[in-house]
């Protein structure tokens, strides 16, 4: 195995651990993976969800969101992962019942940028209409 391949494998392993931590509802653990200057961008125009978030803003958003799930977390399952250079692309899905009785079941594409074994940028694409209907709509 070449050193470059090992680096890509290590990057994919880091992202797998990130999603394991996220799926457990461990907000502080999730933040431990993020660089101090990390930006997490969420696609769409869903009020209170879409847009760009700093690490501190993600703490606030994630702390509020984990409380809406019956199980206290949103499990995200990785379907496929591709790594190239400092970037890892992930296709994923989620399914969780909310305390209000609604079911949140979404599909995602995440693009992670890494530096020094830390996540420095996240771009999250998902079904924003379903997100709106589940979390925002009356």
Protein backbone atom coordinates (compact mmCIF):
# COMPACT_ATOMS: atom_id res chain seq x y z
CA UNK A 1 0.00 0.00 0.00
CA UNK A 2 1.39 3.38 -0.96
CA UNK A 3 1.58 6.19 1.65
CA UNK A 4 -0.97 8.16 -0.40
CA UNK A 5 -3.48 5.28 -0.21
CA UNK A 6 -2.96 5.05 3.55
CA UNK A 7 -3.70 8.77 3.90
CA UNK A 8 -6.95 8.34 1.95
CA UNK A 9 -7.91 5.37 4.09
CA UNK A 10 -7.16 7.38 7.23
CA UNK A 11 -9.32 10.24 5.93
CA UNK A 12 -12.23 7.88 5.25
CA UNK A 13 -11.80 6.30 8.68
CA UNK A 14 -11.89 9.75 10.32
CA UNK A 15 -15.17 10.56 8.54
CA UNK A 16 -16.64 7.18 9.53
CA UNK A 17 -15.80 7.93 13.18
CA UNK A 18 -17.30 11.43 12.77
CA UNK A 19 -20.62 9.93 11.60
CA UNK A 20 -20.57 7.30 14.36
CA UNK A 21 -20.20 10.12 16.89
CA UNK A 22 -22.89 12.23 15.18
CA UNK A 23 -25.27 9.26 15.10
CA UNK A 24 -24.85 8.79 18.86
CA UNK A 25 -25.99 12.38 19.51
CA UNK A 26 -22.61 13.32 21.02
CA UNK A 27 -22.52 17.05 20.17
CA UNK A 28 -19.22 17.71 21.97
CA UNK A 29 -17.69 14.69 20.26
CA UNK A 30 -18.83 15.95 16.85
CA UNK A 31 -17.29 19.34 17.54
CA UNK A 32 -13.99 17.68 18.49
CA UNK A 33 -13.61 16.64 14.83
CA UNK A 34 -14.10 20.20 13.57
CA UNK A 35 -11.26 22.67 13.17
CA UNK A 36 -11.75 25.93 15.09
CA UNK A 37 -12.36 27.74 11.78
CA UNK A 38 -14.57 25.04 10.26
CA UNK A 39 -17.61 26.13 8.26
CA UNK A 40 -20.56 23.76 7.81
CA UNK A 41 -22.81 24.77 4.91
CA UNK A 42 -26.31 23.27 4.54
CA UNK A 43 -28.03 23.56 1.15
CA UNK A 44 -31.40 25.13 0.47
CA UNK A 45 -33.41 27.91 2.04
CA UNK A 46 -34.99 26.18 5.04
CA UNK A 47 -35.40 28.77 7.83
CA UNK A 48 -33.22 27.97 10.82
CA UNK A 49 -31.45 25.09 9.08
CA UNK A 50 -29.96 26.10 5.70
CA UNK A 51 -26.92 28.35 5.45
CA UNK A 52 -23.35 28.51 6.75
CA UNK A 53 -22.44 27.77 10.34
CA UNK A 54 -19.28 28.28 12.34
CA UNK A 55 -18.17 25.64 14.84
CA UNK A 56 -19.87 27.53 17.71
CA UNK A 57 -23.08 27.97 15.72
CA UNK A 58 -23.07 24.23 14.98
CA UNK A 59 -22.88 23.58 18.72
CA UNK A 60 -26.08 25.59 19.19
CA UNK A 61 -27.85 24.04 16.18
CA UNK A 62 -26.93 20.44 17.02
CA UNK A 63 -27.77 20.83 20.70
CA UNK A 64 -31.26 21.99 19.76
CA UNK A 65 -31.80 19.42 17.04
CA UNK A 66 -30.83 16.28 19.00
CA UNK A 67 -33.60 17.12 21.49
CA UNK A 68 -36.32 16.68 18.83
CA UNK A 69 -35.54 13.00 18.17
CA UNK A 70 -37.16 10.23 20.21
CA UNK A 71 -33.82 8.41 20.44
CA UNK A 72 -31.91 11.64 21.16
CA UNK A 73 -29.96 11.50 17.91
CA UNK A 74 -30.20 11.30 14.14
CA UNK A 75 -28.46 8.13 12.95
CA UNK A 76 -26.78 8.71 9.59
CA UNK A 77 -25.73 5.65 7.59
CA UNK A 78 -22.94 5.93 5.05
CA UNK A 79 -23.84 4.32 1.72
CA UNK A 80 -20.65 5.18 -0.19
CA UNK A 81 -17.47 7.13 0.42
CA UNK A 82 -14.81 8.43 -1.98
CA UNK A 83 -11.58 10.15 -0.98
CA UNK A 84 -9.26 12.19 -3.15
CA UNK A 85 -6.56 14.45 -1.80
CA UNK A 86 -7.87 16.35 1.25
CA UNK A 87 -11.52 15.75 0.30
CA UNK A 88 -13.95 12.98 1.24
CA UNK A 89 -17.33 12.68 -0.48
CA UNK A 90 -20.08 10.74 1.29
CA UNK A 91 -23.47 9.48 0.15
CA UNK A 92 -25.62 8.80 3.20
CA UNK A 93 -29.14 8.36 4.50
CA UNK A 94 -30.96 8.88 7.79
CA UNK A 95 -34.15 7.73 9.45
CA UNK A 96 -35.44 8.81 12.85
CA UNK A 97 -38.76 9.39 14.56
CA UNK A 98 -39.28 12.81 16.09
CA UNK A 99 -40.91 13.45 19.44
CA UNK A 100 -43.79 15.15 17.56
CA UNK A 101 -44.57 11.85 15.78
CA UNK A 102 -43.13 12.84 12.39
CA UNK A 103 -40.62 10.60 10.61
CA UNK A 104 -37.45 12.20 9.24
CA UNK A 105 -35.99 10.06 6.49
CA UNK A 106 -33.53 11.84 4.23
CA UNK A 107 -30.70 11.23 1.76
CA UNK A 108 -27.50 13.27 1.67
CA UNK A 109 -24.33 14.08 -0.12
CA UNK A 110 -21.59 15.49 2.11
CA UNK A 111 -18.30 16.91 0.93
CA UNK A 112 -15.66 17.13 3.67
CA UNK A 113 -12.38 19.00 3.39
CA UNK A 114 -9.65 17.91 5.81
CA UNK A 115 -6.39 19.38 7.07
CA UNK A 116 -4.14 18.00 9.80
CA UNK A 117 -6.65 15.25 10.70
CA UNK A 118 -9.39 17.83 11.30
CA UNK A 119 -12.50 18.76 9.32
CA UNK A 120 -12.11 22.29 7.98
CA UNK A 121 -15.16 22.50 5.71
CA UNK A 122 -18.43 20.59 5.27
CA UNK A 123 -20.93 21.01 2.43
CA UNK A 124 -24.22 19.20 3.06
CA UNK A 125 -26.80 18.56 0.34
CA UNK A 126 -30.12 16.87 1.10
CA UNK A 127 -33.86 16.84 0.35
CA UNK A 128 -34.63 20.30 1.70
CA UNK A 129 -38.37 20.07 0.97
CA UNK A 130 -38.59 17.03 3.24
CA UNK A 131 -36.49 18.88 5.82
CA UNK A 132 -38.89 21.84 5.70
CA UNK A 133 -41.99 19.63 5.92
CA UNK A 134 -40.56 17.71 8.87
CA UNK A 135 -39.04 20.47 10.98
CA UNK A 136 -40.59 23.79 9.98
CA UNK A 137 -44.05 23.32 8.46
CA UNK A 138 -47.03 23.43 10.86
